[in-house]
Amino acid sequence: MWFKVFATVSIPLHPESYVSVAWFLEANYYNVANATYFEPLLGDIETISRNRDDRSIQAPVKVITRSSIYTLIESMLEKNGYPGRACLLKLICENAHTHFLHNGLMGDLIYLVLTPSASMSEDDIDDSFYEAEYYGLDNKCRKYTRDCPSNLLERISLYAE
């Protein structure tokens, strides 16, 4: 048995007009017959896992690594006319210096992507990425300004104290 809850909130934009703003809220709930036993929603789990094993032989899963993300960022920077590796190293350095960690979802994502030490070390990551992070912690990012004069971090953020 299904339960559906539907609510509408409507606010007129002007007292003398018929135009209003409305928000529609909808929620669907499934009522179980026995609260001590839940039937599987997806069917037989053993059948699903056997089928998944058969498919995994044909289609290997590609894992997103920090190395692949850095390669993607470098190519995007180069497509936009920037020196890819040099500007990525500068971004990593400036990120380590400015600490975007507690700036909402976007700050957390920037921190996660531009902080090499935030994840397990990978064999195919160049040590220069870790070095750039450590230079940023010591506020020594001028080393990267010669090869990447643009301040790309200012294009996506605003630093305020």
N, C-alpha and C. Protein backbone atom coordinates (compact mmCIF):
# COMPACT_ATOMS: atom_id res chain seq x y z
N MET A 1 0.84 -1.17 0.00
CA MET A 1 0.00 0.00 0.00
C MET A 1 0.90 1.24 0.00
N TRP A 2 0.57 2.21 -0.81
CA TRP A 2 1.33 3.44 -0.93
C TRP A 2 0.55 4.59 -0.30
N PHE A 3 1.28 5.50 0.32
CA PHE A 3 0.71 6.74 0.81
C PHE A 3 1.37 7.89 0.08
N LYS A 4 0.59 8.87 -0.26
CA LYS A 4 1.12 10.03 -0.97
C LYS A 4 0.72 11.28 -0.21
N VAL A 5 1.69 12.14 0.05
CA VAL A 5 1.43 13.42 0.70
C VAL A 5 1.76 14.50 -0.33
N PHE A 6 0.82 15.40 -0.54
CA PHE A 6 0.98 16.46 -1.52
C PHE A 6 0.58 17.77 -0.86
N ALA A 7 1.47 18.76 -0.91
CA ALA A 7 1.17 20.07 -0.30
C ALA A 7 1.55 21.17 -1.28
N THR A 8 0.80 22.24 -1.25
CA THR A 8 1.07 23.40 -2.10
C THR A 8 1.04 24.65 -1.25
N VAL A 9 2.04 25.49 -1.46
CA VAL A 9 2.08 26.80 -0.81
C VAL A 9 2.06 27.83 -1.93
N SER A 10 1.08 28.71 -1.91
CA SER A 10 0.93 29.71 -2.95
C SER A 10 0.90 31.10 -2.33
N ILE A 11 1.73 31.99 -2.87
CA ILE A 11 1.82 33.36 -2.36
C ILE A 11 1.56 34.33 -3.52
N PRO A 12 0.55 35.20 -3.41
CA PRO A 12 0.30 36.17 -4.48
C PRO A 12 1.44 37.19 -4.58
N LEU A 13 1.78 37.54 -5.81
CA LEU A 13 2.84 38.52 -6.01
C LEU A 13 2.37 39.94 -5.71
N HIS A 14 1.11 40.21 -5.97
CA HIS A 14 0.55 41.54 -5.72
C HIS A 14 -0.91 41.35 -5.29
N PRO A 15 -1.39 42.15 -4.32
CA PRO A 15 -2.77 41.95 -3.84
C PRO A 15 -3.84 42.12 -4.91
N GLU A 16 -3.57 42.92 -5.94
CA GLU A 16 -4.59 43.20 -6.95
C GLU A 16 -4.43 42.37 -8.21
N SER A 17 -3.59 41.37 -8.19
CA SER A 17 -3.39 40.56 -9.40
C SER A 17 -3.66 39.08 -9.09
N TYR A 18 -3.78 38.33 -10.17
CA TYR A 18 -4.03 36.90 -10.04
C TYR A 18 -2.74 36.08 -10.20
N VAL A 19 -1.61 36.73 -10.26
CA VAL A 19 -0.33 36.04 -10.44
C VAL A 19 0.24 35.72 -9.07
N SER A 20 0.69 34.48 -8.91
CA SER A 20 1.27 34.08 -7.63
C SER A 20 2.45 33.15 -7.86
N VAL A 21 3.22 32.97 -6.82
CA VAL A 21 4.33 32.03 -6.82
C VAL A 21 3.88 30.83 -6.00
N ALA A 22 4.15 29.63 -6.52
CA ALA A 22 3.69 28.44 -5.81
C ALA A 22 4.82 27.43 -5.69
N TRP A 23 4.85 26.73 -4.58
CA TRP A 23 5.77 25.64 -4.34
C TRP A 23 4.95 24.38 -4.14
N PHE A 24 5.33 23.34 -4.85
CA PHE A 24 4.63 22.06 -4.75
C PHE A 24 5.56 21.06 -4.06
N LEU A 25 5.06 20.42 -3.04
CA LEU A 25 5.83 19.43 -2.30
C LEU A 25 5.10 18.10 -2.39
N GLU A 26 5.83 17.05 -2.73
CA GLU A 26 5.22 15.73 -2.86
C GLU A 26 6.12 14.69 -2.22
N ALA A 27 5.53 13.76 -1.50
CA ALA A 27 6.28 12.66 -0.89
C ALA A 27 5.47 11.38 -1.02
N ASN A 28 6.14 10.29 -1.35
CA ASN A 28 5.50 8.99 -1.48
C ASN A 28 6.07 8.04 -0.44
N TYR A 29 5.20 7.32 0.22
CA TYR A 29 5.62 6.40 1.28
C TYR A 29 5.02 5.02 1.01
N TYR A 30 5.80 4.00 1.27
CA TYR A 30 5.35 2.62 1.13
C TYR A 30 5.08 2.07 2.52
N ASN A 31 3.88 1.59 2.75
CA ASN A 31 3.50 1.03 4.04
C ASN A 31 3.75 -0.47 4.02
N VAL A 32 4.57 -0.95 4.94
CA VAL A 32 4.88 -2.38 5.00
C VAL A 32 3.79 -3.11 5.77
N ALA A 33 3.52 -4.36 5.38
CA ALA A 33 2.50 -5.15 6.05
C ALA A 33 3.00 -5.69 7.38
N ASN A 34 4.30 -5.99 7.46
CA ASN A 34 4.88 -6.55 8.68
C ASN A 34 6.14 -5.76 8.99
N ALA A 35 6.17 -5.04 10.08
CA ALA A 35 7.31 -4.17 10.40
C ALA A 35 8.55 -4.94 10.82
N THR A 36 8.45 -6.25 11.02
CA THR A 36 9.62 -7.04 11.41
C THR A 36 10.27 -7.71 10.22
N TYR A 37 9.66 -7.66 9.06
CA TYR A 37 10.21 -8.30 7.86
C TYR A 37 10.03 -7.36 6.67
N PHE A 38 11.12 -7.10 5.98
CA PHE A 38 11.08 -6.24 4.80
C PHE A 38 11.47 -7.06 3.58
N GLU A 39 10.63 -7.07 2.58
CA GLU A 39 10.95 -7.78 1.35
C GLU A 39 11.97 -6.97 0.56
N PRO A 40 12.90 -7.63 -0.14
CA PRO A 40 13.87 -6.90 -0.95
C PRO A 40 13.18 -6.12 -2.06
N LEU A 41 13.54 -4.87 -2.21
CA LEU A 41 12.91 -4.03 -3.22
C LEU A 41 13.43 -4.34 -4.62
N LEU A 42 14.65 -4.90 -4.72
CA LEU A 42 15.27 -5.13 -6.02
C LEU A 42 15.20 -6.58 -6.47
N GLY A 43 14.47 -7.42 -5.78
CA GLY A 43 14.38 -8.82 -6.18
C GLY A 43 15.39 -9.67 -5.43
N ASP A 44 15.71 -10.82 -6.01
CA ASP A 44 16.62 -11.77 -5.38
C ASP A 44 18.05 -11.24 -5.46
N ILE A 45 18.69 -11.04 -4.33
CA ILE A 45 20.03 -10.46 -4.29
C ILE A 45 21.05 -11.41 -4.89
N GLU A 46 20.91 -12.72 -4.69
CA GLU A 46 21.86 -13.67 -5.25
C GLU A 46 21.83 -13.65 -6.77
N THR A 47 20.66 -13.53 -7.36
CA THR A 47 20.54 -13.46 -8.81
C THR A 47 21.21 -12.20 -9.34
N ILE A 48 21.03 -11.10 -8.64
CA ILE A 48 21.64 -9.85 -9.07
C ILE A 48 23.15 -9.95 -9.01
N SER A 49 23.69 -10.51 -7.92
CA SER A 49 25.15 -10.58 -7.79
C SER A 49 25.75 -11.52 -8.83
N ARG A 50 25.06 -12.64 -9.16
CA ARG A 50 25.58 -13.53 -10.19
C ARG A 50 25.60 -12.82 -11.53
N ASN A 51 24.55 -12.11 -11.84
CA ASN A 51 24.51 -11.39 -13.11
C ASN A 51 25.57 -10.31 -13.15
N ARG A 52 25.82 -9.64 -12.05
CA ARG A 52 26.83 -8.60 -12.00
C ARG A 52 28.21 -9.19 -12.23
N ASP A 53 28.49 -10.39 -11.68
CA ASP A 53 29.78 -11.04 -11.90
C ASP A 53 29.97 -11.37 -13.37
N ASP A 54 28.91 -11.81 -14.02
CA ASP A 54 29.00 -12.12 -15.44
C ASP A 54 29.30 -10.87 -16.26
N ARG A 55 28.69 -9.75 -15.89
CA ARG A 55 28.90 -8.51 -16.63
C ARG A 55 30.28 -7.92 -16.38
N SER A 56 30.83 -8.12 -15.18
CA SER A 56 32.09 -7.48 -14.84
C SER A 56 33.24 -8.02 -15.68
N ILE A 57 33.11 -9.23 -16.20
CA ILE A 57 34.16 -9.78 -17.05
C ILE A 57 34.20 -9.03 -18.38
N GLN A 58 33.04 -8.64 -18.88
CA GLN A 58 32.96 -7.99 -20.17
C GLN A 58 33.27 -6.50 -20.09
N ALA A 59 32.90 -5.85 -19.00
CA ALA A 59 33.06 -4.40 -18.90
C ALA A 59 33.83 -4.06 -17.62
N PRO A 60 35.15 -3.83 -17.72
CA PRO A 60 35.90 -3.48 -16.52
C PRO A 60 35.51 -2.08 -16.02
N VAL A 61 35.53 -1.92 -14.72
CA VAL A 61 35.17 -0.65 -14.11
C VAL A 61 36.37 0.28 -14.12
N LYS A 62 36.17 1.50 -14.60
CA LYS A 62 37.25 2.48 -14.63
C LYS A 62 37.15 3.33 -13.37
N VAL A 63 38.25 3.42 -12.64
CA VAL A 63 38.29 4.15 -11.39
C VAL A 63 38.84 5.55 -11.65
N ILE A 64 38.22 6.54 -11.04
CA ILE A 64 38.72 7.91 -11.15
C ILE A 64 39.81 8.09 -10.11
N THR A 65 41.00 8.45 -10.58
CA THR A 65 42.14 8.64 -9.68
C THR A 65 42.54 10.11 -9.69
N ARG A 66 43.35 10.47 -8.72
CA ARG A 66 43.87 11.84 -8.66
C ARG A 66 44.71 12.14 -9.89
N SER A 67 45.45 11.15 -10.35
CA SER A 67 46.27 11.33 -11.54
C SER A 67 45.41 11.65 -12.76
N SER A 68 44.29 10.96 -12.93
CA SER A 68 43.42 11.24 -14.07
C SER A 68 42.76 12.61 -13.94
N ILE A 69 42.43 13.01 -12.72
CA ILE A 69 41.84 14.34 -12.51
C ILE A 69 42.86 15.42 -12.85
N TYR A 70 44.11 15.25 -12.41
CA TYR A 70 45.15 16.24 -12.71
C TYR A 70 45.44 16.30 -14.20
N THR A 71 45.42 15.16 -14.88
CA THR A 71 45.62 15.15 -16.33
C THR A 71 44.49 15.91 -17.02
N LEU A 72 43.27 15.72 -16.55
CA LEU A 72 42.12 16.43 -17.11
C LEU A 72 42.23 17.94 -16.88
N ILE A 73 42.61 18.35 -15.67
CA ILE A 73 42.76 19.78 -15.37
C ILE A 73 43.86 20.39 -16.23
N GLU A 74 44.99 19.68 -16.37
CA GLU A 74 46.09 20.19 -17.20
C GLU A 74 45.63 20.39 -18.64
N SER A 75 44.91 19.42 -19.19
CA SER A 75 44.47 19.56 -20.59
C SER A 75 43.44 20.68 -20.74
N MET A 76 42.57 20.87 -19.74
CA MET A 76 41.62 21.98 -19.80
C MET A 76 42.34 23.32 -19.75
N LEU A 77 43.35 23.43 -18.90
CA LEU A 77 44.11 24.67 -18.83
C LEU A 77 44.83 24.95 -20.14
N GLU A 78 45.43 23.91 -20.74
CA GLU A 78 46.13 24.09 -22.01
C GLU A 78 45.18 24.47 -23.13
N LYS A 79 43.97 23.92 -23.14
CA LYS A 79 42.99 24.29 -24.16
C LYS A 79 42.58 25.75 -24.04
N ASN A 80 42.69 26.32 -22.84
CA ASN A 80 42.34 27.72 -22.63
C ASN A 80 43.54 28.64 -22.68
N GLY A 81 44.69 28.14 -23.16
CA GLY A 81 45.85 28.98 -23.38
C GLY A 81 46.79 29.14 -22.20
N TYR A 82 46.65 28.36 -21.17
CA TYR A 82 47.53 28.43 -20.01
C TYR A 82 48.52 27.27 -20.04
N PRO A 83 49.70 27.46 -19.47
CA PRO A 83 50.61 26.32 -19.33
C PRO A 83 50.05 25.35 -18.29
N GLY A 84 49.61 24.19 -18.73
CA GLY A 84 48.84 23.27 -17.90
C GLY A 84 49.51 22.85 -16.61
N ARG A 85 50.68 22.23 -16.69
CA ARG A 85 51.34 21.70 -15.49
C ARG A 85 51.74 22.82 -14.55
N ALA A 86 52.30 23.90 -15.09
CA ALA A 86 52.78 25.00 -14.25
C ALA A 86 51.62 25.66 -13.50
N CYS A 87 50.50 25.88 -14.18
CA CYS A 87 49.37 26.53 -13.52
C CYS A 87 48.67 25.59 -12.53
N LEU A 88 48.67 24.30 -12.81
CA LEU A 88 48.10 23.35 -11.85
C LEU A 88 48.95 23.32 -10.58
N LEU A 89 50.27 23.34 -10.73
CA LEU A 89 51.14 23.38 -9.55
C LEU A 89 50.92 24.65 -8.74
N LYS A 90 50.73 25.77 -9.45
CA LYS A 90 50.47 27.03 -8.76
C LYS A 90 49.12 26.99 -8.03
N LEU A 91 48.11 26.41 -8.66
CA LEU A 91 46.80 26.26 -8.00
C LEU A 91 46.91 25.41 -6.74
N ILE A 92 47.66 24.33 -6.81
CA ILE A 92 47.84 23.46 -5.64
C ILE A 92 48.55 24.21 -4.53
N CYS A 93 49.57 24.98 -4.89
CA CYS A 93 50.32 25.76 -3.91
C CYS A 93 49.43 26.81 -3.25
N GLU A 94 48.69 27.58 -4.05
CA GLU A 94 47.83 28.63 -3.50
C GLU A 94 46.69 28.04 -2.67
N ASN A 95 46.19 26.90 -3.07
CA ASN A 95 45.14 26.23 -2.30
C ASN A 95 45.65 25.84 -0.92
N ALA A 96 46.88 25.34 -0.86
CA ALA A 96 47.45 24.95 0.44
C ALA A 96 47.67 26.17 1.32
N HIS A 97 47.94 27.32 0.70
CA HIS A 97 48.18 28.53 1.47
C HIS A 97 46.88 29.16 1.98
N THR A 98 45.81 29.14 1.17
CA THR A 98 44.59 29.87 1.52
C THR A 98 43.56 29.04 2.28
N HIS A 99 43.63 27.73 2.27
CA HIS A 99 42.73 26.85 3.04
C HIS A 99 41.26 27.11 2.70
N PHE A 100 40.76 26.46 1.68
CA PHE A 100 39.36 26.56 1.29
C PHE A 100 38.49 25.51 1.97
N LEU A 101 39.01 24.84 2.97
CA LEU A 101 38.33 23.68 3.54
C LEU A 101 36.96 23.99 4.10
N HIS A 102 36.76 25.10 4.79
CA HIS A 102 35.48 25.39 5.44
C HIS A 102 34.71 26.48 4.71
N ASN A 103 34.58 26.34 3.40
CA ASN A 103 33.87 27.33 2.59
C ASN A 103 32.76 26.68 1.78
N GLY A 104 31.95 25.88 2.41
CA GLY A 104 30.81 25.26 1.74
C GLY A 104 31.23 24.11 0.84
N LEU A 105 30.27 23.69 0.04
CA LEU A 105 30.49 22.54 -0.84
C LEU A 105 31.58 22.82 -1.87
N MET A 106 31.55 24.00 -2.47
CA MET A 106 32.54 24.33 -3.49
C MET A 106 33.94 24.39 -2.89
N GLY A 107 34.06 24.98 -1.71
CA GLY A 107 35.35 25.03 -1.04
C GLY A 107 35.87 23.65 -0.69
N ASP A 108 34.97 22.77 -0.26
CA ASP A 108 35.37 21.39 0.05
C ASP A 108 35.84 20.66 -1.20
N LEU A 109 35.15 20.87 -2.33
CA LEU A 109 35.56 20.23 -3.57
C LEU A 109 36.90 20.75 -4.06
N ILE A 110 37.10 22.07 -3.99
CA ILE A 110 38.38 22.65 -4.39
C ILE A 110 39.50 22.10 -3.51
N TYR A 111 39.25 22.06 -2.21
CA TYR A 111 40.25 21.52 -1.28
C TYR A 111 40.56 20.06 -1.61
N LEU A 112 39.54 19.27 -1.85
CA LEU A 112 39.74 17.85 -2.12
C LEU A 112 40.54 17.62 -3.39
N VAL A 113 40.22 18.35 -4.45
CA VAL A 113 40.90 18.16 -5.72
C VAL A 113 42.32 18.71 -5.69
N LEU A 114 42.51 19.87 -5.08
CA LEU A 114 43.81 20.54 -5.14
C LEU A 114 44.70 20.25 -3.93
N THR A 115 44.41 19.23 -3.16
CA THR A 115 45.25 18.84 -2.03
C THR A 115 45.69 17.40 -2.24
N PRO A 116 46.88 17.18 -2.79
CA PRO A 116 47.32 15.81 -3.08
C PRO A 116 47.40 14.92 -1.85
N SER A 117 47.71 15.48 -0.70
CA SER A 117 47.84 14.66 0.50
C SER A 117 46.49 14.32 1.13
N ALA A 118 45.38 14.78 0.54
CA ALA A 118 44.06 14.51 1.10
C ALA A 118 43.59 13.09 0.80
N SER A 119 44.30 12.38 -0.06
CA SER A 119 43.92 11.00 -0.38
C SER A 119 45.16 10.11 -0.25
N MET A 120 44.93 8.83 -0.40
CA MET A 120 46.06 7.89 -0.34
C MET A 120 47.02 8.19 -1.48
N SER A 121 48.30 8.01 -1.25
CA SER A 121 49.29 8.29 -2.28
C SER A 121 49.15 7.30 -3.43
N GLU A 122 49.38 7.80 -4.62
CA GLU A 122 49.31 6.98 -5.83
C GLU A 122 50.70 6.90 -6.44
N ASP A 123 51.00 5.78 -7.05
CA ASP A 123 52.33 5.58 -7.63
C ASP A 123 52.57 6.46 -8.85
N ASP A 124 51.52 6.75 -9.61
CA ASP A 124 51.70 7.50 -10.85
C ASP A 124 51.55 9.01 -10.71
N ILE A 125 51.54 9.51 -9.47
CA ILE A 125 51.49 10.96 -9.26
C ILE A 125 52.91 11.47 -9.07
N ASP A 126 53.23 12.51 -9.81
CA ASP A 126 54.56 13.11 -9.73
C ASP A 126 54.75 13.78 -8.37
N ASP A 127 55.96 13.71 -7.84
CA ASP A 127 56.26 14.32 -6.54
C ASP A 127 56.13 15.84 -6.56
N SER A 128 56.15 16.44 -7.75
CA SER A 128 56.04 17.90 -7.82
C SER A 128 54.69 18.39 -7.30
N PHE A 129 53.64 17.57 -7.38
CA PHE A 129 52.34 17.97 -6.84
C PHE A 129 52.38 18.06 -5.32
N TYR A 130 53.00 17.07 -4.68
CA TYR A 130 53.15 17.10 -3.22
C TYR A 130 54.07 18.25 -2.80
N GLU A 131 55.10 18.48 -3.61
CA GLU A 131 56.04 19.57 -3.33
C GLU A 131 55.33 20.92 -3.39
N ALA A 132 54.45 21.10 -4.38
CA ALA A 132 53.71 22.36 -4.50
C ALA A 132 52.82 22.58 -3.29
N GLU A 133 52.22 21.51 -2.78
CA GLU A 133 51.39 21.65 -1.59
C GLU A 133 52.23 22.08 -0.39
N TYR A 134 53.39 21.47 -0.22
CA TYR A 134 54.23 21.82 0.92
C TYR A 134 54.79 23.24 0.81
N TYR A 135 55.11 23.69 -0.42
CA TYR A 135 55.53 25.08 -0.60
C TYR A 135 54.39 26.03 -0.22
N GLY A 136 53.17 25.67 -0.54
CA GLY A 136 52.02 26.51 -0.18
C GLY A 136 51.82 26.60 1.32
N LEU A 137 52.05 25.50 2.03
CA LEU A 137 51.93 25.53 3.49
C LEU A 137 52.96 26.47 4.11
N ASP A 138 54.11 26.65 3.43
CA ASP A 138 55.15 27.56 3.91
C ASP A 138 55.05 28.95 3.27
N ASN A 139 53.97 29.22 2.53
CA ASN A 139 53.74 30.51 1.86
C ASN A 139 54.88 30.85 0.90
N LYS A 140 55.28 29.88 0.09
CA LYS A 140 56.36 30.08 -0.89
C LYS A 140 55.86 29.80 -2.30
N CYS A 141 54.75 30.39 -2.68
CA CYS A 141 54.15 30.13 -3.99
C CYS A 141 54.72 31.00 -5.10
N ARG A 142 55.58 31.95 -4.77
CA ARG A 142 56.17 32.80 -5.82
C ARG A 142 57.02 32.01 -6.79
N LYS A 143 57.48 30.86 -6.35
CA LYS A 143 58.28 29.98 -7.20
C LYS A 143 57.53 29.63 -8.49
N TYR A 144 56.20 29.55 -8.42
CA TYR A 144 55.40 29.11 -9.56
C TYR A 144 54.88 30.27 -10.41
N THR A 145 55.10 31.51 -9.97
CA THR A 145 54.58 32.67 -10.69
C THR A 145 55.31 32.89 -12.01
N ARG A 146 56.58 32.53 -12.08
CA ARG A 146 57.35 32.74 -13.31
C ARG A 146 56.78 31.90 -14.46
N ASP A 147 56.44 30.64 -14.19
CA ASP A 147 55.94 29.76 -15.24
C ASP A 147 54.44 29.92 -15.49
N CYS A 148 53.72 30.46 -14.50
CA CYS A 148 52.27 30.69 -14.64
C CYS A 148 51.95 32.05 -14.02
N PRO A 149 52.07 33.13 -14.79
CA PRO A 149 51.85 34.47 -14.22
C PRO A 149 50.39 34.75 -13.85
N SER A 150 49.44 34.05 -14.44
CA SER A 150 48.02 34.27 -14.14
C SER A 150 47.67 33.71 -12.78
N ASN A 151 46.78 34.41 -12.08
CA ASN A 151 46.30 33.91 -10.80
C ASN A 151 44.92 33.30 -11.04
N LEU A 152 44.90 32.02 -11.35
CA LEU A 152 43.65 31.34 -11.70
C LEU A 152 42.73 31.16 -10.51
N LEU A 153 43.27 31.12 -9.32
CA LEU A 153 42.44 30.95 -8.13
C LEU A 153 41.53 32.16 -7.91
N GLU A 154 41.99 33.35 -8.32
CA GLU A 154 41.16 34.55 -8.20
C GLU A 154 39.98 34.52 -9.17
N ARG A 155 40.07 33.73 -10.23
CA ARG A 155 38.97 33.64 -11.19
C ARG A 155 37.81 32.81 -10.66
N ILE A 156 38.08 31.94 -9.69
CA ILE A 156 37.02 31.09 -9.17
C ILE A 156 36.71 31.35 -7.71
N SER A 157 37.40 32.30 -7.10
CA SER A 157 37.17 32.54 -5.67
C SER A 157 37.43 33.99 -5.32
N LEU A 158 36.99 34.36 -4.15
CA LEU A 158 37.23 35.69 -3.60
C LEU A 158 37.76 35.49 -2.19
N TYR A 159 38.96 35.98 -1.94
CA TYR A 159 39.57 35.80 -0.63
C TYR A 159 39.18 36.97 0.26
N ALA A 160 38.54 36.68 1.37
CA ALA A 160 38.13 37.72 2.31
C ALA A 160 38.44 37.24 3.72
N GLU A 161 38.92 38.15 4.54
CA GLU A 161 39.23 37.79 5.93
C GLU A 161 38.11 38.20 6.85
